[in-house]
Amino acid sequence: MKKSVITTEKLINNIYKCLLQAYGPQGWWPLKSNVFRTGYDSDGYHKGDYSLALKPVQRYEIVLGAILTQNTSWNNVGKVLDILIANKYLDPKTIINCKLPKLANMIRTSGYYNQKARKLKHVSQLFFNHKWLKNGTVPSRTLLLATWGIGPETADSILLYAFGQPEFVIDAYTKRLLLRFKLIKQDYNYNIIQDLFYSSLARDYKIFNEYHALIVKHAKVHCRKAPLCQDCPLMDLCVYSNKK
């Protein structure tokens, strides 16, 4: 009797189904400026609702968040966004015109604040020049990546969450999960890992949105640096994968 073999494609899909069943829709990207508005919760998440039309100011908030969250926790980013929102800095021109020391001081909680202040200025100038926020056109991934301060993870976060483009975001949590499932090796680069999802899933921004958010959720609850395997919703799949 032949032993059943689960393909990589099937495994990738099954991981998604298990995570979604365990945690439910995550409502990414959280928008601090929309807290308690219709469709949003007290933290700015919009769980299970993809119909919310983003205005330029909301898209720009996601752009800012994607830069600020580099090498820090979302809790720290949220504090910074509260300050920027309170001071009406949710427009590229306001960031461009803000003195660098003042901007750095406002975003101090995010860490690497001097470097991030310069990044925010570079990115804001890019969006101001191309008017992507106002005319509703989608930014060029090539131009985003050519901008100092934007790497693949940040570019894809902007494209996926601010502009609804089907780009899968690969971060440290994703790599950790796939390594534990032995689906990748340590030296796999961003594009190779991303192609694993592109070849296994329908190219749907809603799925990519939820999948990435669910991986982050799972990494914080169970798939930590020191894994907490008890009651892990992926335990059976992970055991099977490691026996292959």
C-alpha atoms as a PDB file:
ATOM      1  CA  MET A   1       0.000   0.000   0.000  1.00  0.00           C
ATOM      2  CA  LYS A   2       1.416   3.334  -1.080  1.00  0.00           C
ATOM      3  CA  LYS A   3       2.018   5.971   1.552  1.00  0.00           C
ATOM      4  CA  SER A   4       0.108   9.199   0.853  1.00  0.00           C
ATOM      5  CA  VAL A   5       2.335  12.145   0.061  1.00  0.00           C
ATOM      6  CA  ILE A   6       1.323  15.731   0.626  1.00  0.00           C
ATOM      7  CA  THR A   7       2.747  18.149  -1.909  1.00  0.00           C
ATOM      8  CA  THR A   8       4.329  21.477  -1.007  1.00  0.00           C
ATOM      9  CA  GLU A   9       1.374  23.236  -2.626  1.00  0.00           C
ATOM     10  CA  LYS A  10      -1.091  21.254  -0.528  1.00  0.00           C
ATOM     11  CA  LEU A  11       0.922  21.865   2.635  1.00  0.00           C
ATOM     12  CA  ILE A  12       1.060  25.631   2.028  1.00  0.00           C
ATOM     13  CA  ASN A  13      -2.710  25.674   1.517  1.00  0.00           C
ATOM     14  CA  ASN A  14      -3.383  23.496   4.556  1.00  0.00           C
ATOM     15  CA  ILE A  15      -1.264  25.731   6.789  1.00  0.00           C
ATOM     16  CA  TYR A  16      -3.360  28.696   5.712  1.00  0.00           C
ATOM     17  CA  LYS A  17      -6.653  26.868   6.362  1.00  0.00           C
ATOM     18  CA  CYS A  18      -5.524  25.748   9.819  1.00  0.00           C
ATOM     19  CA  LEU A  19      -4.340  29.215  10.809  1.00  0.00           C
ATOM     20  CA  LEU A  20      -7.529  30.868   9.582  1.00  0.00           C
ATOM     21  CA  GLN A  21      -9.650  28.347  11.477  1.00  0.00           C
ATOM     22  CA  ALA A  22      -7.586  28.814  14.638  1.00  0.00           C
ATOM     23  CA  TYR A  23      -7.334  32.612  14.715  1.00  0.00           C
ATOM     24  CA  GLY A  24      -9.946  33.963  12.306  1.00  0.00           C
ATOM     25  CA  PRO A  25      -9.535  37.048  10.064  1.00  0.00           C
ATOM     26  CA  GLN A  26      -6.924  39.490  11.359  1.00  0.00           C
ATOM     27  CA  GLY A  27      -8.116  42.747   9.787  1.00  0.00           C
ATOM     28  CA  TRP A  28      -4.786  44.028   8.560  1.00  0.00           C
ATOM     29  CA  TRP A  29      -3.460  46.687   8.026  1.00  0.00           C
ATOM     30  CA  PRO A  30      -4.566  48.387  11.260  1.00  0.00           C
ATOM     31  CA  LEU A  31      -5.352  52.068  10.809  1.00  0.00           C
ATOM     32  CA  LYS A  32      -4.923  54.165  13.924  1.00  0.00           C
ATOM     33  CA  SER A  33      -6.717  57.095  12.299  1.00  0.00           C
ATOM     34  CA  ASN A  34      -9.859  54.963  11.848  1.00  0.00           C
ATOM     35  CA  VAL A  35     -10.222  53.677  15.396  1.00  0.00           C
ATOM     36  CA  PHE A  36     -13.921  53.129  16.249  1.00  0.00           C
ATOM     37  CA  ARG A  37     -15.112  54.234  12.827  1.00  0.00           C
ATOM     38  CA  THR A  38     -17.604  52.016  11.016  1.00  0.00           C
ATOM     39  CA  GLY A  39     -15.970  48.665  10.250  1.00  0.00           C
ATOM     40  CA  TYR A  40     -12.945  49.261  12.522  1.00  0.00           C
ATOM     41  CA  ASP A  41     -12.305  48.145  16.088  1.00  0.00           C
ATOM     42  CA  SER A  42     -10.644  49.951  18.983  1.00  0.00           C
ATOM     43  CA  ASP A  43      -7.169  49.253  17.553  1.00  0.00           C
ATOM     44  CA  GLY A  44      -7.970  50.134  13.948  1.00  0.00           C
ATOM     45  CA  TYR A  45      -8.330  46.562  12.648  1.00  0.00           C
ATOM     46  CA  HIS A  46     -11.111  45.667  10.190  1.00  0.00           C
ATOM     47  CA  LYS A  47     -11.484  41.921  10.620  1.00  0.00           C
ATOM     48  CA  GLY A  48     -13.032  40.118   7.658  1.00  0.00           C
ATOM     49  CA  ASP A  49     -13.994  43.305   5.812  1.00  0.00           C
ATOM     50  CA  TYR A  50     -12.148  43.930   2.545  1.00  0.00           C
ATOM     51  CA  SER A  51     -14.679  46.360   1.126  1.00  0.00           C
ATOM     52  CA  LEU A  52     -13.406  49.389   3.016  1.00  0.00           C
ATOM     53  CA  ALA A  53     -12.226  51.935   0.457  1.00  0.00           C
ATOM     54  CA  LEU A  54      -8.947  53.547   1.496  1.00  0.00           C
ATOM     55  CA  LYS A  55      -8.534  57.278   1.120  1.00  0.00           C
ATOM     56  CA  PRO A  56      -5.133  58.861   0.327  1.00  0.00           C
ATOM     57  CA  VAL A  57      -4.554  59.703   3.993  1.00  0.00           C
ATOM     58  CA  GLN A  58      -5.153  56.083   4.995  1.00  0.00           C
ATOM     59  CA  ARG A  59      -2.882  54.701   2.293  1.00  0.00           C
ATOM     60  CA  TYR A  60      -0.197  57.099   3.459  1.00  0.00           C
ATOM     61  CA  GLU A  61      -0.630  55.969   7.060  1.00  0.00           C
ATOM     62  CA  ILE A  62       0.132  52.418   5.887  1.00  0.00           C
ATOM     63  CA  VAL A  63       3.200  53.665   4.019  1.00  0.00           C
ATOM     64  CA  LEU A  64       4.440  55.386   7.176  1.00  0.00           C
ATOM     65  CA  GLY A  65       3.705  52.295   9.257  1.00  0.00           C
ATOM     66  CA  ALA A  66       5.573  50.039   6.842  1.00  0.00           C
ATOM     67  CA  ILE A  67       8.714  52.162   7.310  1.00  0.00           C
ATOM     68  CA  LEU A  68       8.330  52.666  11.041  1.00  0.00           C
ATOM     69  CA  THR A  69       7.800  48.965  11.799  1.00  0.00           C
ATOM     70  CA  GLN A  70      11.245  48.040  10.499  1.00  0.00           C
ATOM     71  CA  ASN A  71      13.197  46.405  13.349  1.00  0.00           C
ATOM     72  CA  THR A  72      10.644  47.221  16.036  1.00  0.00           C
ATOM     73  CA  SER A  73       7.310  46.070  17.458  1.00  0.00           C
ATOM     74  CA  TRP A  74       3.937  47.280  16.261  1.00  0.00           C
ATOM     75  CA  ASN A  75       3.238  48.527  19.778  1.00  0.00           C
ATOM     76  CA  ASN A  76       6.054  51.060  19.377  1.00  0.00           C
ATOM     77  CA  VAL A  77       4.849  52.007  15.906  1.00  0.00           C
ATOM     78  CA  GLY A  78       1.335  52.603  17.199  1.00  0.00           C
ATOM     79  CA  LYS A  79       2.614  55.143  19.698  1.00  0.00           C
ATOM     80  CA  VAL A  80       4.427  57.024  16.936  1.00  0.00           C
ATOM     81  CA  LEU A  81       1.416  56.991  14.635  1.00  0.00           C
ATOM     82  CA  ASP A  82      -0.719  58.435  17.444  1.00  0.00           C
ATOM     83  CA  ILE A  83       1.730  61.334  17.668  1.00  0.00           C
ATOM     84  CA  LEU A  84       1.844  61.882  13.898  1.00  0.00           C
ATOM     85  CA  ILE A  85      -1.949  61.745  13.648  1.00  0.00           C
ATOM     86  CA  ALA A  86      -2.413  64.155  16.567  1.00  0.00           C
ATOM     87  CA  ASN A  87      -0.009  66.607  14.909  1.00  0.00           C
ATOM     88  CA  LYS A  88      -1.628  66.150  11.462  1.00  0.00           C
ATOM     89  CA  TYR A  89       1.395  64.571   9.790  1.00  0.00           C
ATOM     90  CA  LEU A  90      -0.553  62.195   7.544  1.00  0.00           C
ATOM     91  CA  ASP A  91       0.336  63.869   4.270  1.00  0.00           C
ATOM     92  CA  PRO A  92       3.645  63.565   2.355  1.00  0.00           C
ATOM     93  CA  LYS A  93       4.099  67.334   2.181  1.00  0.00           C
ATOM     94  CA  THR A  94       3.944  67.723   5.964  1.00  0.00           C
ATOM     95  CA  ILE A  95       6.725  65.161   6.403  1.00  0.00           C
ATOM     96  CA  ILE A  96       8.800  66.732   3.621  1.00  0.00           C
ATOM     97  CA  ASN A  97       8.508  70.181   5.206  1.00  0.00           C
ATOM     98  CA  CYS A  98       9.157  68.982   8.755  1.00  0.00           C
ATOM     99  CA  LYS A  99      12.637  69.696  10.103  1.00  0.00           C
ATOM    100  CA  LEU A 100      14.628  66.476  10.415  1.00  0.00           C
ATOM    101  CA  PRO A 101      15.408  66.846  14.178  1.00  0.00           C
ATOM    102  CA  LYS A 102      11.728  67.501  14.934  1.00  0.00           C
ATOM    103  CA  LEU A 103      10.593  64.506  12.880  1.00  0.00           C
ATOM    104  CA  ALA A 104      13.213  62.264  14.498  1.00  0.00           C
ATOM    105  CA  ASN A 105      12.037  63.342  17.939  1.00  0.00           C
ATOM    106  CA  MET A 106       8.396  62.596  17.103  1.00  0.00           C
ATOM    107  CA  ILE A 107       9.207  59.050  15.946  1.00  0.00           C
ATOM    108  CA  ARG A 108      11.768  58.325  18.683  1.00  0.00           C
ATOM    109  CA  THR A 109       9.720  55.432  20.109  1.00  0.00           C
ATOM    110  CA  SER A 110      10.093  53.462  16.862  1.00  0.00           C
ATOM    111  CA  GLY A 111      13.848  53.029  17.317  1.00  0.00           C
ATOM    112  CA  TYR A 112      16.573  53.975  14.835  1.00  0.00           C
ATOM    113  CA  TYR A 113      14.667  57.250  14.744  1.00  0.00           C
ATOM    114  CA  ASN A 114      17.325  59.384  13.017  1.00  0.00           C
ATOM    115  CA  GLN A 115      17.634  56.883  10.173  1.00  0.00           C
ATOM    116  CA  LYS A 116      13.895  56.330   9.961  1.00  0.00           C
ATOM    117  CA  ALA A 117      13.239  60.086   9.853  1.00  0.00           C
ATOM    118  CA  ARG A 118      15.428  60.297   6.741  1.00  0.00           C
ATOM    119  CA  LYS A 119      13.676  57.276   5.262  1.00  0.00           C
ATOM    120  CA  LEU A 120      10.277  58.867   5.822  1.00  0.00           C
ATOM    121  CA  LYS A 121      11.437  61.976   4.008  1.00  0.00           C
ATOM    122  CA  HIS A 122      12.762  59.996   1.029  1.00  0.00           C
ATOM    123  CA  VAL A 123       9.593  57.926   0.766  1.00  0.00           C
ATOM    124  CA  SER A 124       7.330  60.942   1.231  1.00  0.00           C
ATOM    125  CA  GLN A 125       9.154  62.783  -1.562  1.00  0.00           C
ATOM    126  CA  LEU A 126       8.673  59.768  -3.835  1.00  0.00           C
ATOM    127  CA  PHE A 127       4.930  59.605  -3.185  1.00  0.00           C
ATOM    128  CA  PHE A 128       4.590  63.376  -3.486  1.00  0.00           C
ATOM    129  CA  ASN A 129       6.409  63.436  -6.833  1.00  0.00           C
ATOM    130  CA  HIS A 130       4.399  60.613  -8.385  1.00  0.00           C
ATOM    131  CA  LYS A 131       1.044  61.575  -6.841  1.00  0.00           C
ATOM    132  CA  TRP A 132       0.149  57.904  -6.337  1.00  0.00           C
ATOM    133  CA  LEU A 133      -1.965  58.730  -3.295  1.00  0.00           C
ATOM    134  CA  LYS A 134      -4.068  61.364  -5.046  1.00  0.00           C
ATOM    135  CA  ASN A 135      -4.602  59.849  -8.486  1.00  0.00           C
ATOM    136  CA  GLY A 136      -5.122  56.299  -7.225  1.00  0.00           C
ATOM    137  CA  THR A 137      -2.511  54.666  -9.448  1.00  0.00           C
ATOM    138  CA  VAL A 138      -0.465  51.787  -8.066  1.00  0.00           C
ATOM    139  CA  PRO A 139       3.207  52.504  -7.296  1.00  0.00           C
ATOM    140  CA  SER A 140       5.839  50.762  -9.342  1.00  0.00           C
ATOM    141  CA  ARG A 141       7.543  48.067  -7.276  1.00  0.00           C
ATOM    142  CA  THR A 142      10.752  48.847  -9.154  1.00  0.00           C
ATOM    143  CA  LEU A 143      10.599  52.504  -8.146  1.00  0.00           C
ATOM    144  CA  LEU A 144       9.791  51.601  -4.557  1.00  0.00           C
ATOM    145  CA  LEU A 145      12.797  49.294  -4.359  1.00  0.00           C
ATOM    146  CA  ALA A 146      15.015  51.947  -5.920  1.00  0.00           C
ATOM    147  CA  THR A 147      14.187  54.293  -3.043  1.00  0.00           C
ATOM    148  CA  TRP A 148      16.519  54.407  -0.071  1.00  0.00           C
ATOM    149  CA  GLY A 149      14.745  52.971   2.959  1.00  0.00           C
ATOM    150  CA  ILE A 150      12.508  50.549   1.056  1.00  0.00           C
ATOM    151  CA  GLY A 151      13.472  46.889   0.777  1.00  0.00           C
ATOM    152  CA  PRO A 152      11.372  44.016  -0.614  1.00  0.00           C
ATOM    153  CA  GLU A 153       9.432  43.425   2.608  1.00  0.00           C
ATOM    154  CA  THR A 154       8.509  47.098   2.975  1.00  0.00           C
ATOM    155  CA  ALA A 155       7.676  47.490  -0.716  1.00  0.00           C
ATOM    156  CA  ASP A 156       5.400  44.464  -0.704  1.00  0.00           C
ATOM    157  CA  SER A 157       3.715  45.578   2.532  1.00  0.00           C
ATOM    158  CA  ILE A 158       2.898  48.917   0.891  1.00  0.00           C
ATOM    159  CA  LEU A 159       1.646  47.304  -2.308  1.00  0.00           C
ATOM    160  CA  LEU A 160      -0.411  44.637  -0.538  1.00  0.00           C
ATOM    161  CA  TYR A 161      -1.983  46.594   2.294  1.00  0.00           C
ATOM    162  CA  ALA A 162      -2.165  50.149   0.945  1.00  0.00           C
ATOM    163  CA  PHE A 163      -2.959  49.340  -2.700  1.00  0.00           C
ATOM    164  CA  GLY A 164      -4.525  45.864  -2.629  1.00  0.00           C
ATOM    165  CA  GLN A 165      -1.910  44.284  -4.879  1.00  0.00           C
ATOM    166  CA  PRO A 166      -1.293  40.516  -4.658  1.00  0.00           C
ATOM    167  CA  GLU A 167       2.281  40.669  -3.365  1.00  0.00           C
ATOM    168  CA  PHE A 168       3.179  38.190  -0.635  1.00  0.00           C
ATOM    169  CA  VAL A 169       5.163  39.733   2.215  1.00  0.00           C
ATOM    170  CA  ILE A 170       8.104  37.660   3.430  1.00  0.00           C
ATOM    171  CA  ASP A 171       9.336  38.540   6.898  1.00  0.00           C
ATOM    172  CA  ALA A 172      11.303  36.891   9.697  1.00  0.00           C
ATOM    173  CA  TYR A 173       8.163  35.190  11.024  1.00  0.00           C
ATOM    174  CA  THR A 174       7.441  33.624   7.622  1.00  0.00           C
ATOM    175  CA  LYS A 175      10.996  32.327   7.321  1.00  0.00           C
ATOM    176  CA  ARG A 176      10.860  30.857  10.825  1.00  0.00           C
ATOM    177  CA  LEU A 177       7.620  29.014  10.123  1.00  0.00           C
ATOM    178  CA  LEU A 178       8.764  27.609   6.788  1.00  0.00           C
ATOM    179  CA  LEU A 179      12.100  26.515   8.246  1.00  0.00           C
ATOM    180  CA  ARG A 180      10.306  24.553  10.939  1.00  0.00           C
ATOM    181  CA  PHE A 181       8.234  22.876   8.249  1.00  0.00           C
ATOM    182  CA  LYS A 182      11.442  22.199   6.293  1.00  0.00           C
ATOM    183  CA  LEU A 183       9.943  23.934   3.269  1.00  0.00           C
ATOM    184  CA  ILE A 184      12.972  26.210   2.860  1.00  0.00           C
ATOM    185  CA  LYS A 185      16.629  26.303   3.787  1.00  0.00           C
ATOM    186  CA  GLN A 186      18.341  28.982   5.819  1.00  0.00           C
ATOM    187  CA  ASP A 187      20.095  30.499   2.804  1.00  0.00           C
ATOM    188  CA  TYR A 188      16.955  30.912   0.650  1.00  0.00           C
ATOM    189  CA  ASN A 189      16.557  34.516  -0.447  1.00  0.00           C
ATOM    190  CA  TYR A 190      13.423  36.670  -0.437  1.00  0.00           C
ATOM    191  CA  ASN A 191      12.397  35.911  -4.023  1.00  0.00           C
ATOM    192  CA  ILE A 192      12.766  32.143  -3.686  1.00  0.00           C
ATOM    193  CA  ILE A 193      10.605  32.091  -0.568  1.00  0.00           C
ATOM    194  CA  GLN A 194       8.031  34.405  -2.136  1.00  0.00           C
ATOM    195  CA  ASP A 195       7.808  32.185  -5.226  1.00  0.00           C
ATOM    196  CA  LEU A 196       6.880  29.284  -2.961  1.00  0.00           C
ATOM    197  CA  PHE A 197       3.639  31.088  -2.111  1.00  0.00           C
ATOM    198  CA  TYR A 198       3.052  32.323  -5.659  1.00  0.00           C
ATOM    199  CA  SER A 199       3.307  28.800  -7.023  1.00  0.00           C
ATOM    200  CA  SER A 200       1.061  27.331  -4.311  1.00  0.00           C
ATOM    201  CA  LEU A 201      -1.757  29.850  -3.899  1.00  0.00           C
ATOM    202  CA  ALA A 202      -4.238  31.696  -6.069  1.00  0.00           C
ATOM    203  CA  ARG A 203      -2.851  35.188  -6.782  1.00  0.00           C
ATOM    204  CA  ASP A 204      -5.466  36.868  -4.572  1.00  0.00           C
ATOM    205  CA  TYR A 205      -4.608  39.875  -2.425  1.00  0.00           C
ATOM    206  CA  LYS A 206      -7.242  38.891   0.167  1.00  0.00           C
ATOM    207  CA  ILE A 207      -5.583  35.522   0.714  1.00  0.00           C
ATOM    208  CA  PHE A 208      -2.113  37.073   0.771  1.00  0.00           C
ATOM    209  CA  ASN A 209      -3.343  39.725   3.207  1.00  0.00           C
ATOM    210  CA  GLU A 210      -4.762  37.191   5.645  1.00  0.00           C
ATOM    211  CA  TYR A 211      -2.011  34.609   5.264  1.00  0.00           C
ATOM    212  CA  HIS A 212       0.780  37.018   6.150  1.00  0.00           C
ATOM    213  CA  ALA A 213      -1.186  38.471   9.063  1.00  0.00           C
ATOM    214  CA  LEU A 214      -2.009  34.974  10.343  1.00  0.00           C
ATOM    215  CA  ILE A 215       1.646  33.931  10.195  1.00  0.00           C
ATOM    216  CA  VAL A 216       2.555  36.963  12.326  1.00  0.00           C
ATOM    217  CA  LYS A 217      -0.211  36.096  14.793  1.00  0.00           C
ATOM    218  CA  HIS A 218       0.903  32.466  14.993  1.00  0.00           C
ATOM    219  CA  ALA A 219       4.553  33.415  15.413  1.00  0.00           C
ATOM    220  CA  LYS A 220       3.670  35.535  18.417  1.00  0.00           C
ATOM    221  CA  VAL A 221       1.445  32.897  20.022  1.00  0.00           C
ATOM    222  CA  HIS A 222       3.184  29.588  19.243  1.00  0.00           C
ATOM    223  CA  CYS A 223       5.965  29.731  16.663  1.00  0.00           C
ATOM    224  CA  ARG A 224       8.302  31.862  18.746  1.00  0.00           C
ATOM    225  CA  LYS A 225      12.079  31.719  18.712  1.00  0.00           C
ATOM    226  CA  ALA A 226      11.624  29.133  21.449  1.00  0.00           C
ATOM    227  CA  PRO A 227       8.485  27.400  20.137  1.00  0.00           C
ATOM    228  CA  LEU A 228       5.431  26.781  22.306  1.00  0.00           C
ATOM    229  CA  CYS A 229       4.133  23.613  20.691  1.00  0.00           C
ATOM    230  CA  GLN A 230       1.433  22.729  23.198  1.00  0.00           C
ATOM    231  CA  ASP A 231      -2.015  23.278  21.607  1.00  0.00           C
ATOM    232  CA  CYS A 232      -0.381  24.551  18.412  1.00  0.00           C
ATOM    233  CA  PRO A 233      -2.970  24.384  15.594  1.00  0.00           C
ATOM    234  CA  LEU A 234      -0.238  23.365  13.151  1.00  0.00           C
ATOM    235  CA  MET A 235       1.253  20.573  15.241  1.00  0.00           C
ATOM    236  CA  ASP A 236      -0.050  17.657  13.163  1.00  0.00           C
ATOM    237  CA  LEU A 237       1.000  19.290   9.892  1.00  0.00           C
ATOM    238  CA  CYS A 238       4.415  20.170  11.273  1.00  0.00           C
ATOM    239  CA  VAL A 239       5.049  16.644  12.571  1.00  0.00           C
ATOM    240  CA  TYR A 240       4.042  15.185   9.210  1.00  0.00           C
ATOM    241  CA  SER A 241       6.240  17.634   7.307  1.00  0.00           C
ATOM    242  CA  ASN A 242       9.266  16.826   9.423  1.00  0.00           C
ATOM    243  CA  LYS A 243       8.808  13.088   8.862  1.00  0.00           C
ATOM    244  CA  LYS A 244       8.947  13.387   5.071  1.00  0.00           C
END
